[in-house]
Amino acid sequence: MSKFDEIIRLSGYSRATVSRVINHSRHVSPEARAKILNIMKQLNYVPNRNAVSLSTGQTNQIGIVMASTNEIVLSFLNQFVDIAMDYGFQTIIYTTRGDKENELRAFEDLRSKRVDGLVIVTCVNEPRLLKAYCEYGPIVSWQRMGSDEIPSVAMDQAEGYRLALEHLVSRGYTRIANLFGRVESLNTQSRREAYEQFMRDHHLPVRTDWYRYSVFTPTDGEEALRELITGSELPQAVLCANDYVAIGIQSEANKQAISIPDQLAIVGFDDTELAHTLGITTIYNPIAEQATHAFYRLWAVLGKQQMGQEQQLPLEKLQYKLIARQTT
């Protein structure tokens, strides 16, 4: 008799319950867990992970696909990794540097059963290509996909952008510059469309000449403001791709002796700790909650495989919020 079978016999619990304890699943009673762990210790049982994977059909590993890391991505990662551990899953980070072939290696690992599921933070391959891998395991994306090819937990950033526009216009700022992220991003498209529609609805000027793209970092923000002030007219306000861009705008404005918010108002996005520290008006983005939603979407499939029944967890409605501070 194998040690695994001996644990089942001595504990009186089923093979499934013993497997859950070995795989660190939270779906086991404290009494069962304590008894099984005690027997494992007595028998000096160390699970063979390859054998466990073969017996359960799962590796208890989830892959996270992203081009690179930054402070905002880390907020998502930390929450996802934490909740995955609560449910007995480890994570593998696939950093692709935006290379299509590198990215596909993660999806090939899903096909070869090295991981049970994937969460996409950022991807460069077309969603219709990646969709083909859904037959090998659940995939969910934080990046907006623009169709139903792959389920996404991303929120429409146009909603947050409109909150920022309403705030600025209510305070008399009508000449507004926009610093966007990737030009091809659906988030950029949503923000741009929200801005243009809002300004038209309020009979205000749409300043496409004050659009700047691929603005991600404080340094990018500093450079963007230097470009803007060389024009014939200074914007009254700047809407930023994220808080780090807003920090760069704030820094350069101080160097140029531009009064904030009297001469220039600044609005960031995401509500990072630095935005709080530096008094930057921003849009609260529930990033950690979106990471939780991403895991819950995967668990709906992976939990069913483990438990033999639906494992739907409640998905609360998430909303952006305006956080007004000293820069407006």
C-alpha atoms as a PDB file:
ATOM      1  CA  MET A   1       0.000   0.000   0.000  1.00  0.00           C
ATOM      2  CA  SER A   2       1.341   3.446  -0.920  1.00  0.00           C
ATOM      3  CA  LYS A   3       1.769   6.131   1.716  1.00  0.00           C
ATOM      4  CA  PHE A   4      -0.983   8.132   0.032  1.00  0.00           C
ATOM      5  CA  ASP A   5      -3.423   5.231   0.366  1.00  0.00           C
ATOM      6  CA  GLU A   6      -2.267   4.712   3.967  1.00  0.00           C
ATOM      7  CA  ILE A   7      -3.152   8.337   4.745  1.00  0.00           C
ATOM      8  CA  ILE A   8      -6.619   7.770   3.291  1.00  0.00           C
ATOM      9  CA  ARG A   9      -7.066   4.596   5.375  1.00  0.00           C
ATOM     10  CA  LEU A  10      -5.806   6.050   8.650  1.00  0.00           C
ATOM     11  CA  SER A  11      -7.630   9.371   8.328  1.00  0.00           C
ATOM     12  CA  GLY A  12     -10.944   7.960   7.184  1.00  0.00           C
ATOM     13  CA  TYR A  13     -11.293  10.769   4.652  1.00  0.00           C
ATOM     14  CA  SER A  14     -11.778  10.447   0.909  1.00  0.00           C
ATOM     15  CA  ARG A  15      -9.067  10.594  -1.722  1.00  0.00           C
ATOM     16  CA  ALA A  16     -10.414  14.004  -2.814  1.00  0.00           C
ATOM     17  CA  THR A  17     -10.175  15.455   0.717  1.00  0.00           C
ATOM     18  CA  VAL A  18      -6.629  14.185   1.207  1.00  0.00           C
ATOM     19  CA  SER A  19      -5.671  15.629  -2.190  1.00  0.00           C
ATOM     20  CA  ARG A  20      -7.084  19.014  -1.204  1.00  0.00           C
ATOM     21  CA  VAL A  21      -4.976  19.078   1.943  1.00  0.00           C
ATOM     22  CA  ILE A  22      -1.854  18.133  -0.034  1.00  0.00           C
ATOM     23  CA  ASN A  23      -2.635  20.863  -2.573  1.00  0.00           C
ATOM     24  CA  HIS A  24      -3.218  23.474   0.171  1.00  0.00           C
ATOM     25  CA  SER A  25      -6.828  24.033  -0.845  1.00  0.00           C
ATOM     26  CA  ARG A  26      -8.830  26.165   1.577  1.00  0.00           C
ATOM     27  CA  HIS A  27     -11.923  24.022   0.988  1.00  0.00           C
ATOM     28  CA  VAL A  28     -11.213  21.575   3.787  1.00  0.00           C
ATOM     29  CA  SER A  29     -12.476  21.715   7.345  1.00  0.00           C
ATOM     30  CA  PRO A  30      -9.893  22.621  10.014  1.00  0.00           C
ATOM     31  CA  GLU A  31     -10.474  19.265  11.711  1.00  0.00           C
ATOM     32  CA  ALA A  32      -9.837  17.275   8.536  1.00  0.00           C
ATOM     33  CA  ARG A  33      -6.769  19.326   7.677  1.00  0.00           C
ATOM     34  CA  ALA A  34      -5.237  18.899  11.136  1.00  0.00           C
ATOM     35  CA  LYS A  35      -5.840  15.131  11.193  1.00  0.00           C
ATOM     36  CA  ILE A  36      -4.472  14.541   7.695  1.00  0.00           C
ATOM     37  CA  LEU A  37      -1.407  16.742   8.243  1.00  0.00           C
ATOM     38  CA  ASN A  38      -0.667  14.906  11.494  1.00  0.00           C
ATOM     39  CA  ILE A  39      -0.789  11.529   9.733  1.00  0.00           C
ATOM     40  CA  MET A  40       1.402  12.876   6.897  1.00  0.00           C
ATOM     41  CA  LYS A  41       3.950  13.934   9.512  1.00  0.00           C
ATOM     42  CA  GLN A  42       3.841  10.559  11.265  1.00  0.00           C
ATOM     43  CA  LEU A  43       4.398   8.750   7.957  1.00  0.00           C
ATOM     44  CA  ASN A  44       7.055  11.278   6.853  1.00  0.00           C
ATOM     45  CA  TYR A  45       5.045  11.734   3.677  1.00  0.00           C
ATOM     46  CA  VAL A  46       6.368  14.210   1.101  1.00  0.00           C
ATOM     47  CA  PRO A  47       4.080  14.518  -1.920  1.00  0.00           C
ATOM     48  CA  ASN A  48       5.564  13.954  -5.351  1.00  0.00           C
ATOM     49  CA  ARG A  49       4.312  16.979  -7.250  1.00  0.00           C
ATOM     50  CA  ASN A  50       4.523  15.271 -10.608  1.00  0.00           C
ATOM     51  CA  ALA A  51       2.467  12.379  -9.314  1.00  0.00           C
ATOM     52  CA  VAL A  52      -0.043  14.743  -7.711  1.00  0.00           C
ATOM     53  CA  SER A  53      -0.414  16.563 -10.997  1.00  0.00           C
ATOM     54  CA  LEU A  54      -1.026  13.316 -12.854  1.00  0.00           C
ATOM     55  CA  SER A  55      -3.585  12.124 -10.326  1.00  0.00           C
ATOM     56  CA  THR A  56      -5.553  15.362 -10.124  1.00  0.00           C
ATOM     57  CA  GLY A  57      -5.081  16.630 -13.660  1.00  0.00           C
ATOM     58  CA  GLN A  58      -3.907  19.961 -12.237  1.00  0.00           C
ATOM     59  CA  THR A  59      -0.554  21.540 -11.495  1.00  0.00           C
ATOM     60  CA  ASN A  60      -1.992  24.109  -9.087  1.00  0.00           C
ATOM     61  CA  GLN A  61      -0.027  26.742 -10.983  1.00  0.00           C
ATOM     62  CA  ILE A  62      -1.375  29.787 -12.808  1.00  0.00           C
ATOM     63  CA  GLY A  63       0.626  31.738 -15.361  1.00  0.00           C
ATOM     64  CA  ILE A  64       0.669  35.550 -15.466  1.00  0.00           C
ATOM     65  CA  VAL A  65       1.537  37.044 -18.851  1.00  0.00           C
ATOM     66  CA  MET A  66       2.861  40.609 -19.138  1.00  0.00           C
ATOM     67  CA  ALA A  67       5.261  42.649 -21.217  1.00  0.00           C
ATOM     68  CA  SER A  68       7.029  44.250 -18.252  1.00  0.00           C
ATOM     69  CA  THR A  69       6.446  45.370 -14.681  1.00  0.00           C
ATOM     70  CA  ASN A  70       5.749  48.796 -13.254  1.00  0.00           C
ATOM     71  CA  GLU A  71       4.267  50.153 -10.029  1.00  0.00           C
ATOM     72  CA  ILE A  72       0.689  49.921 -11.298  1.00  0.00           C
ATOM     73  CA  VAL A  73       1.096  46.359 -12.585  1.00  0.00           C
ATOM     74  CA  LEU A  74       2.618  45.378  -9.222  1.00  0.00           C
ATOM     75  CA  SER A  75      -0.608  46.370  -7.467  1.00  0.00           C
ATOM     76  CA  PHE A  76      -2.469  43.889  -9.648  1.00  0.00           C
ATOM     77  CA  LEU A  77       0.185  41.185  -9.266  1.00  0.00           C
ATOM     78  CA  ASN A  78       0.426  41.411  -5.488  1.00  0.00           C
ATOM     79  CA  GLN A  79      -3.307  40.970  -5.054  1.00  0.00           C
ATOM     80  CA  PHE A  80      -3.601  38.177  -7.606  1.00  0.00           C
ATOM     81  CA  VAL A  81      -0.678  36.206  -6.180  1.00  0.00           C
ATOM     82  CA  ASP A  82      -2.049  36.629  -2.657  1.00  0.00           C
ATOM     83  CA  ILE A  83      -5.553  35.389  -3.388  1.00  0.00           C
ATOM     84  CA  ALA A  84      -4.237  32.566  -5.575  1.00  0.00           C
ATOM     85  CA  MET A  85      -2.175  31.348  -2.617  1.00  0.00           C
ATOM     86  CA  ASP A  86      -5.288  31.425  -0.443  1.00  0.00           C
ATOM     87  CA  TYR A  87      -6.811  28.880  -2.820  1.00  0.00           C
ATOM     88  CA  GLY A  88      -3.703  26.675  -3.036  1.00  0.00           C
ATOM     89  CA  PHE A  89      -2.240  27.985  -6.316  1.00  0.00           C
ATOM     90  CA  GLN A  90       1.268  29.142  -7.085  1.00  0.00           C
ATOM     91  CA  THR A  91       1.993  31.592  -9.884  1.00  0.00           C
ATOM     92  CA  ILE A  92       4.512  31.697 -12.719  1.00  0.00           C
ATOM     93  CA  ILE A  93       5.380  35.098 -14.169  1.00  0.00           C
ATOM     94  CA  TYR A  94       5.948  35.226 -17.921  1.00  0.00           C
ATOM     95  CA  THR A  95       7.678  38.520 -18.763  1.00  0.00           C
ATOM     96  CA  THR A  96       7.623  38.804 -22.555  1.00  0.00           C
ATOM     97  CA  ARG A  97       9.214  42.229 -23.260  1.00  0.00           C
ATOM     98  CA  GLY A  98       6.422  42.678 -25.773  1.00  0.00           C
ATOM     99  CA  ASP A  99       7.766  39.906 -28.018  1.00  0.00           C
ATOM    100  CA  LYS A 100       5.072  37.804 -29.703  1.00  0.00           C
ATOM    101  CA  GLU A 101       7.079  34.579 -29.717  1.00  0.00           C
ATOM    102  CA  ASN A 102       8.034  34.920 -26.053  1.00  0.00           C
ATOM    103  CA  GLU A 103       4.399  35.563 -25.231  1.00  0.00           C
ATOM    104  CA  LEU A 104       3.205  32.433 -27.014  1.00  0.00           C
ATOM    105  CA  ARG A 105       5.479  30.287 -24.835  1.00  0.00           C
ATOM    106  CA  ALA A 106       3.144  30.949 -21.918  1.00  0.00           C
ATOM    107  CA  PHE A 107       0.181  29.763 -23.964  1.00  0.00           C
ATOM    108  CA  GLU A 108       2.112  26.703 -25.096  1.00  0.00           C
ATOM    109  CA  ASP A 109       2.734  25.923 -21.420  1.00  0.00           C
ATOM    110  CA  LEU A 110      -1.038  25.995 -20.933  1.00  0.00           C
ATOM    111  CA  ARG A 111      -1.447  23.564 -23.799  1.00  0.00           C
ATOM    112  CA  SER A 112       1.218  21.234 -22.394  1.00  0.00           C
ATOM    113  CA  LYS A 113      -0.434  21.414 -18.933  1.00  0.00           C
ATOM    114  CA  ARG A 114       2.495  23.088 -17.197  1.00  0.00           C
ATOM    115  CA  VAL A 115      -0.029  25.618 -15.863  1.00  0.00           C
ATOM    116  CA  ASP A 116      -3.745  25.227 -15.209  1.00  0.00           C
ATOM    117  CA  GLY A 117      -4.787  28.682 -16.401  1.00  0.00           C
ATOM    118  CA  LEU A 118      -3.496  32.056 -17.531  1.00  0.00           C
ATOM    119  CA  VAL A 119      -4.179  35.657 -16.624  1.00  0.00           C
ATOM    120  CA  ILE A 120      -3.115  38.262 -19.189  1.00  0.00           C
ATOM    121  CA  VAL A 121      -1.876  41.559 -17.811  1.00  0.00           C
ATOM    122  CA  THR A 122      -0.665  42.777 -21.196  1.00  0.00           C
ATOM    123  CA  CYS A 123      -0.353  40.947 -24.509  1.00  0.00           C
ATOM    124  CA  VAL A 124       0.782  41.772 -28.030  1.00  0.00           C
ATOM    125  CA  ASN A 125      -0.644  38.846 -29.994  1.00  0.00           C
ATOM    126  CA  GLU A 126      -4.093  39.176 -31.535  1.00  0.00           C
ATOM    127  CA  PRO A 127      -6.931  37.946 -29.259  1.00  0.00           C
ATOM    128  CA  ARG A 128      -8.306  35.715 -32.024  1.00  0.00           C
ATOM    129  CA  LEU A 129      -4.982  33.854 -32.069  1.00  0.00           C
ATOM    130  CA  LEU A 130      -4.865  33.486 -28.284  1.00  0.00           C
ATOM    131  CA  LYS A 131      -8.487  32.360 -28.115  1.00  0.00           C
ATOM    132  CA  ALA A 132      -7.492  29.026 -29.669  1.00  0.00           C
ATOM    133  CA  TYR A 133      -5.697  28.176 -26.412  1.00  0.00           C
ATOM    134  CA  CYS A 134      -8.888  28.457 -24.350  1.00  0.00           C
ATOM    135  CA  GLU A 135      -9.628  24.807 -25.048  1.00  0.00           C
ATOM    136  CA  TYR A 136      -6.617  23.845 -22.933  1.00  0.00           C
ATOM    137  CA  GLY A 137      -7.580  25.811 -19.818  1.00  0.00           C
ATOM    138  CA  PRO A 138      -9.232  29.000 -18.598  1.00  0.00           C
ATOM    139  CA  ILE A 139      -7.777  32.355 -19.678  1.00  0.00           C
ATOM    140  CA  VAL A 140      -8.806  35.754 -18.363  1.00  0.00           C
ATOM    141  CA  SER A 141      -7.392  39.168 -19.220  1.00  0.00           C
ATOM    142  CA  TRP A 142      -6.866  42.430 -17.359  1.00  0.00           C
ATOM    143  CA  GLN A 143      -6.081  44.093 -20.666  1.00  0.00           C
ATOM    144  CA  ARG A 144      -9.156  45.122 -22.610  1.00  0.00           C
ATOM    145  CA  MET A 145      -9.665  42.810 -25.549  1.00  0.00           C
ATOM    146  CA  GLY A 146     -12.289  44.684 -27.549  1.00  0.00           C
ATOM    147  CA  SER A 147     -14.397  41.597 -28.195  1.00  0.00           C
ATOM    148  CA  ASP A 148     -15.584  38.467 -26.449  1.00  0.00           C
ATOM    149  CA  GLU A 149     -12.650  36.423 -27.727  1.00  0.00           C
ATOM    150  CA  ILE A 150     -11.156  36.189 -24.218  1.00  0.00           C
ATOM    151  CA  PRO A 151     -13.042  37.258 -21.064  1.00  0.00           C
ATOM    152  CA  SER A 152     -11.680  40.439 -19.497  1.00  0.00           C
ATOM    153  CA  VAL A 153     -12.048  41.985 -16.050  1.00  0.00           C
ATOM    154  CA  ALA A 154     -10.908  45.374 -17.348  1.00  0.00           C
ATOM    155  CA  MET A 155     -13.073  48.398 -16.627  1.00  0.00           C
ATOM    156  CA  ASP A 156     -13.924  51.000 -19.259  1.00  0.00           C
ATOM    157  CA  GLN A 157     -11.594  53.874 -18.431  1.00  0.00           C
ATOM    158  CA  ALA A 158     -13.914  56.311 -20.214  1.00  0.00           C
ATOM    159  CA  GLU A 159     -16.017  56.273 -17.032  1.00  0.00           C
ATOM    160  CA  GLY A 160     -13.122  57.498 -14.918  1.00  0.00           C
ATOM    161  CA  TYR A 161     -12.065  60.004 -17.550  1.00  0.00           C
ATOM    162  CA  ARG A 162     -15.513  61.591 -17.584  1.00  0.00           C
ATOM    163  CA  LEU A 163     -15.306  62.051 -13.810  1.00  0.00           C
ATOM    164  CA  ALA A 164     -12.052  63.956 -14.284  1.00  0.00           C
ATOM    165  CA  LEU A 165     -13.525  66.112 -17.058  1.00  0.00           C
ATOM    166  CA  GLU A 166     -16.619  66.965 -15.029  1.00  0.00           C
ATOM    167  CA  HIS A 167     -14.397  67.977 -12.120  1.00  0.00           C
ATOM    168  CA  LEU A 168     -12.141  70.189 -14.232  1.00  0.00           C
ATOM    169  CA  VAL A 169     -14.940  71.948 -16.112  1.00  0.00           C
ATOM    170  CA  SER A 170     -16.898  72.543 -12.897  1.00  0.00           C
ATOM    171  CA  ARG A 171     -13.850  74.444 -11.629  1.00  0.00           C
ATOM    172  CA  GLY A 172     -13.537  76.548 -14.772  1.00  0.00           C
ATOM    173  CA  TYR A 173     -10.784  74.661 -16.615  1.00  0.00           C
ATOM    174  CA  THR A 174     -11.821  74.379 -20.267  1.00  0.00           C
ATOM    175  CA  ARG A 175      -8.545  74.287 -22.233  1.00  0.00           C
ATOM    176  CA  ILE A 176      -7.468  70.726 -21.515  1.00  0.00           C
ATOM    177  CA  ALA A 177      -4.471  68.730 -22.758  1.00  0.00           C
ATOM    178  CA  ASN A 178      -4.450  64.922 -22.834  1.00  0.00           C
ATOM    179  CA  LEU A 179      -1.431  62.700 -22.232  1.00  0.00           C
ATOM    180  CA  PHE A 180      -2.268  59.175 -23.345  1.00  0.00           C
ATOM    181  CA  GLY A 181      -0.587  55.771 -23.173  1.00  0.00           C
ATOM    182  CA  ARG A 182      -0.209  53.462 -26.154  1.00  0.00           C
ATOM    183  CA  VAL A 183      -1.836  54.926 -29.249  1.00  0.00           C
ATOM    184  CA  GLU A 184      -3.362  51.559 -30.227  1.00  0.00           C
ATOM    185  CA  SER A 185      -4.684  50.780 -26.739  1.00  0.00           C
ATOM    186  CA  LEU A 186      -8.428  50.425 -26.271  1.00  0.00           C
ATOM    187  CA  ASN A 187      -8.077  52.413 -23.048  1.00  0.00           C
ATOM    188  CA  THR A 188      -6.504  55.265 -24.996  1.00  0.00           C
ATOM    189  CA  GLN A 189      -9.289  55.068 -27.548  1.00  0.00           C
ATOM    190  CA  SER A 190     -11.953  55.142 -24.797  1.00  0.00           C
ATOM    191  CA  ARG A 191     -10.342  58.121 -23.053  1.00  0.00           C
ATOM    192  CA  ARG A 192      -9.956  60.066 -26.276  1.00  0.00           C
ATOM    193  CA  GLU A 193     -13.556  59.430 -27.312  1.00  0.00           C
ATOM    194  CA  ALA A 194     -14.819  60.359 -23.839  1.00  0.00           C
ATOM    195  CA  TYR A 195     -12.896  63.629 -23.950  1.00  0.00           C
ATOM    196  CA  GLU A 196     -14.071  64.586 -27.427  1.00  0.00           C
ATOM    197  CA  GLN A 197     -17.710  63.730 -26.744  1.00  0.00           C
ATOM    198  CA  PHE A 198     -17.705  65.540 -23.398  1.00  0.00           C
ATOM    199  CA  MET A 199     -16.191  68.699 -24.868  1.00  0.00           C
ATOM    200  CA  ARG A 200     -18.634  68.733 -27.772  1.00  0.00           C
ATOM    201  CA  ASP A 201     -21.585  68.206 -25.435  1.00  0.00           C
ATOM    202  CA  HIS A 202     -20.449  71.230 -23.406  1.00  0.00           C
ATOM    203  CA  HIS A 203     -19.610  73.339 -26.486  1.00  0.00           C
ATOM    204  CA  LEU A 204     -15.956  73.518 -25.504  1.00  0.00           C
ATOM    205  CA  PRO A 205     -12.853  73.345 -27.721  1.00  0.00           C
ATOM    206  CA  VAL A 206     -11.460  69.913 -28.592  1.00  0.00           C
ATOM    207  CA  ARG A 207      -7.702  70.466 -28.583  1.00  0.00           C
ATOM    208  CA  THR A 208      -6.272  67.577 -30.600  1.00  0.00           C
ATOM    209  CA  ASP A 209      -3.060  69.597 -30.932  1.00  0.00           C
ATOM    210  CA  TRP A 210      -2.563  68.963 -27.218  1.00  0.00           C
ATOM    211  CA  TYR A 211      -2.699  65.183 -27.592  1.00  0.00           C
ATOM    212  CA  ARG A 212       0.484  63.326 -26.659  1.00  0.00           C
ATOM    213  CA  TYR A 213       0.930  59.534 -26.853  1.00  0.00           C
ATOM    214  CA  SER A 214       3.226  56.923 -25.239  1.00  0.00           C
ATOM    215  CA  VAL A 215       3.491  59.030 -22.094  1.00  0.00           C
ATOM    216  CA  PHE A 216       4.007  56.609 -19.197  1.00  0.00           C
ATOM    217  CA  THR A 217       6.652  57.817 -16.722  1.00  0.00           C
ATOM    218  CA  PRO A 218       7.533  60.955 -14.725  1.00  0.00           C
ATOM    219  CA  THR A 219      10.278  61.672 -17.253  1.00  0.00           C
ATOM    220  CA  ASP A 220       7.739  61.384 -20.071  1.00  0.00           C
ATOM    221  CA  GLY A 221       5.499  63.811 -18.197  1.00  0.00           C
ATOM    222  CA  GLU A 222       8.305  66.345 -17.780  1.00  0.00           C
ATOM    223  CA  GLU A 223       9.131  66.181 -21.479  1.00  0.00           C
ATOM    224  CA  ALA A 224       5.460  66.493 -22.472  1.00  0.00           C
ATOM    225  CA  LEU A 225       5.006  69.660 -20.440  1.00  0.00           C
ATOM    226  CA  ARG A 226       8.156  71.184 -21.936  1.00  0.00           C
ATOM    227  CA  GLU A 227       6.649  70.567 -25.379  1.00  0.00           C
ATOM    228  CA  LEU A 228       3.294  72.053 -24.393  1.00  0.00           C
ATOM    229  CA  ILE A 229       4.741  75.277 -23.032  1.00  0.00           C
ATOM    230  CA  THR A 230       6.627  75.964 -26.267  1.00  0.00           C
ATOM    231  CA  GLY A 231       3.303  76.537 -28.018  1.00  0.00           C
ATOM    232  CA  SER A 232       1.490  79.832 -28.350  1.00  0.00           C
ATOM    233  CA  GLU A 233      -0.953  78.974 -25.583  1.00  0.00           C
ATOM    234  CA  LEU A 234      -0.616  77.046 -22.330  1.00  0.00           C
ATOM    235  CA  PRO A 235      -3.348  74.547 -21.439  1.00  0.00           C
ATOM    236  CA  GLN A 236      -5.306  75.268 -18.267  1.00  0.00           C
ATOM    237  CA  ALA A 237      -5.300  71.605 -17.275  1.00  0.00           C
ATOM    238  CA  VAL A 238      -3.643  68.306 -18.131  1.00  0.00           C
ATOM    239  CA  LEU A 239      -5.268  64.873 -17.941  1.00  0.00           C
ATOM    240  CA  CYS A 240      -2.583  62.215 -17.467  1.00  0.00           C
ATOM    241  CA  ALA A 241      -2.305  58.566 -18.445  1.00  0.00           C
ATOM    242  CA  ASN A 242      -1.441  57.676 -14.838  1.00  0.00           C
ATOM    243  CA  ASP A 243      -0.222  59.193 -11.584  1.00  0.00           C
ATOM    244  CA  TYR A 244       3.443  58.853 -12.520  1.00  0.00           C
ATOM    245  CA  VAL A 245       2.951  61.081 -15.545  1.00  0.00           C
ATOM    246  CA  ALA A 246       1.139  63.543 -13.273  1.00  0.00           C
ATOM    247  CA  ILE A 247       4.154  63.550 -10.951  1.00  0.00           C
ATOM    248  CA  GLY A 248       6.380  64.459 -13.885  1.00  0.00           C
ATOM    249  CA  ILE A 249       4.036  67.285 -14.911  1.00  0.00           C
ATOM    250  CA  GLN A 250       3.981  68.583 -11.339  1.00  0.00           C
ATOM    251  CA  SER A 251       7.781  68.454 -11.112  1.00  0.00           C
ATOM    252  CA  GLU A 252       8.357  70.275 -14.411  1.00  0.00           C
ATOM    253  CA  ALA A 253       5.697  72.883 -13.618  1.00  0.00           C
ATOM    254  CA  ASN A 254       7.532  73.683 -10.389  1.00  0.00           C
ATOM    255  CA  LYS A 255      10.816  74.040 -12.302  1.00  0.00           C
ATOM    256  CA  GLN A 256       9.145  76.364 -14.818  1.00  0.00           C
ATOM    257  CA  ALA A 257       7.512  78.456 -12.061  1.00  0.00           C
ATOM    258  CA  ILE A 258       4.043  77.530 -13.326  1.00  0.00           C
ATOM    259  CA  SER A 259       1.569  77.910 -10.474  1.00  0.00           C
ATOM    260  CA  ILE A 260      -0.503  74.809  -9.652  1.00  0.00           C
ATOM    261  CA  PRO A 261      -3.483  74.853  -9.876  1.00  0.00           C
ATOM    262  CA  ASP A 262      -3.905  78.560 -10.736  1.00  0.00           C
ATOM    263  CA  GLN A 263      -2.071  78.384 -14.060  1.00  0.00           C
ATOM    264  CA  LEU A 264      -2.173  74.637 -14.605  1.00  0.00           C
ATOM    265  CA  ALA A 265      -4.393  71.963 -13.070  1.00  0.00           C
ATOM    266  CA  ILE A 266      -3.224  68.327 -13.063  1.00  0.00           C
ATOM    267  CA  VAL A 267      -5.261  65.127 -12.847  1.00  0.00           C
ATOM    268  CA  GLY A 268      -3.645  61.688 -12.627  1.00  0.00           C
ATOM    269  CA  PHE A 269      -5.165  58.229 -12.826  1.00  0.00           C
ATOM    270  CA  ASP A 270      -5.068  55.165 -10.515  1.00  0.00           C
ATOM    271  CA  ASP A 271      -4.729  56.844  -7.065  1.00  0.00           C
ATOM    272  CA  THR A 272      -1.319  55.501  -6.098  1.00  0.00           C
ATOM    273  CA  GLU A 273       0.317  56.199  -2.739  1.00  0.00           C
ATOM    274  CA  LEU A 274       2.571  58.808  -4.344  1.00  0.00           C
ATOM    275  CA  ALA A 275      -0.451  60.719  -5.639  1.00  0.00           C
ATOM    276  CA  HIS A 276      -1.698  60.883  -2.055  1.00  0.00           C
ATOM    277  CA  THR A 277       1.708  61.957  -0.744  1.00  0.00           C
ATOM    278  CA  LEU A 278       2.168  64.674  -3.375  1.00  0.00           C
ATOM    279  CA  GLY A 279      -1.394  65.954  -3.231  1.00  0.00           C
ATOM    280  CA  ILE A 280      -2.278  65.080  -6.814  1.00  0.00           C
ATOM    281  CA  THR A 281      -5.920  64.983  -7.863  1.00  0.00           C
ATOM    282  CA  THR A 282      -6.562  61.616  -9.464  1.00  0.00           C
ATOM    283  CA  ILE A 283      -9.083  58.937 -10.356  1.00  0.00           C
ATOM    284  CA  TYR A 284      -9.244  55.986  -7.991  1.00  0.00           C
ATOM    285  CA  ASN A 285      -8.901  52.799 -10.017  1.00  0.00           C
ATOM    286  CA  PRO A 286      -9.844  49.575  -8.127  1.00  0.00           C
ATOM    287  CA  ILE A 287      -6.864  47.587  -9.401  1.00  0.00           C
ATOM    288  CA  ALA A 288      -6.677  45.073  -6.534  1.00  0.00           C
ATOM    289  CA  GLU A 289     -10.377  44.336  -6.883  1.00  0.00           C
ATOM    290  CA  GLN A 290      -9.922  43.678 -10.606  1.00  0.00           C
ATOM    291  CA  ALA A 291      -7.175  41.185  -9.736  1.00  0.00           C
ATOM    292  CA  THR A 292      -9.596  39.447  -7.374  1.00  0.00           C
ATOM    293  CA  HIS A 293     -12.180  39.289 -10.155  1.00  0.00           C
ATOM    294  CA  ALA A 294      -9.553  37.777 -12.466  1.00  0.00           C
ATOM    295  CA  PHE A 295      -8.830  34.960 -10.028  1.00  0.00           C
ATOM    296  CA  TYR A 296     -12.525  34.346  -9.374  1.00  0.00           C
ATOM    297  CA  ARG A 297     -13.095  33.945 -13.118  1.00  0.00           C
ATOM    298  CA  LEU A 298     -10.348  31.320 -13.254  1.00  0.00           C
ATOM    299  CA  TRP A 299     -11.584  29.629 -10.078  1.00  0.00           C
ATOM    300  CA  ALA A 300     -15.036  29.200 -11.606  1.00  0.00           C
ATOM    301  CA  VAL A 301     -13.385  26.655 -13.942  1.00  0.00           C
ATOM    302  CA  LEU A 302     -10.470  25.352 -11.865  1.00  0.00           C
ATOM    303  CA  GLY A 303     -12.559  24.997  -8.710  1.00  0.00           C
ATOM    304  CA  LYS A 304     -15.149  22.995 -10.585  1.00  0.00           C
ATOM    305  CA  GLN A 305     -12.400  20.657 -11.764  1.00  0.00           C
ATOM    306  CA  GLN A 306     -11.154  20.229  -8.194  1.00  0.00           C
ATOM    307  CA  MET A 307     -14.481  20.096  -6.409  1.00  0.00           C
ATOM    308  CA  GLY A 308     -16.702  18.532  -9.037  1.00  0.00           C
ATOM    309  CA  GLN A 309     -19.262  21.350  -8.908  1.00  0.00           C
ATOM    310  CA  GLU A 310     -19.703  24.993  -9.841  1.00  0.00           C
ATOM    311  CA  GLN A 311     -17.502  27.358  -7.826  1.00  0.00           C
ATOM    312  CA  GLN A 312     -18.953  30.766  -8.643  1.00  0.00           C
ATOM    313  CA  LEU A 313     -17.795  33.522  -6.313  1.00  0.00           C
ATOM    314  CA  PRO A 314     -19.569  36.894  -6.039  1.00  0.00           C
ATOM    315  CA  LEU A 315     -18.207  39.657  -8.272  1.00  0.00           C
ATOM    316  CA  GLU A 316     -18.928  43.032  -6.711  1.00  0.00           C
ATOM    317  CA  LYS A 317     -19.608  45.996  -8.965  1.00  0.00           C
ATOM    318  CA  LEU A 318     -16.493  48.139  -9.275  1.00  0.00           C
ATOM    319  CA  GLN A 319     -16.472  51.897  -9.802  1.00  0.00           C
ATOM    320  CA  TYR A 320     -14.006  54.702 -10.426  1.00  0.00           C
ATOM    321  CA  LYS A 321     -13.960  57.613  -7.971  1.00  0.00           C
ATOM    322  CA  LEU A 322     -12.629  61.142  -8.227  1.00  0.00           C
ATOM    323  CA  ILE A 323     -10.089  61.972  -5.504  1.00  0.00           C
ATOM    324  CA  ALA A 324      -9.752  65.782  -5.405  1.00  0.00           C
ATOM    325  CA  ARG A 325      -6.498  67.166  -3.971  1.00  0.00           C
ATOM    326  CA  GLN A 326      -4.291  70.235  -4.277  1.00  0.00           C
ATOM    327  CA  THR A 327      -3.531  70.086  -8.015  1.00  0.00           C
ATOM    328  CA  THR A 328      -7.034  71.165  -9.089  1.00  0.00           C
END
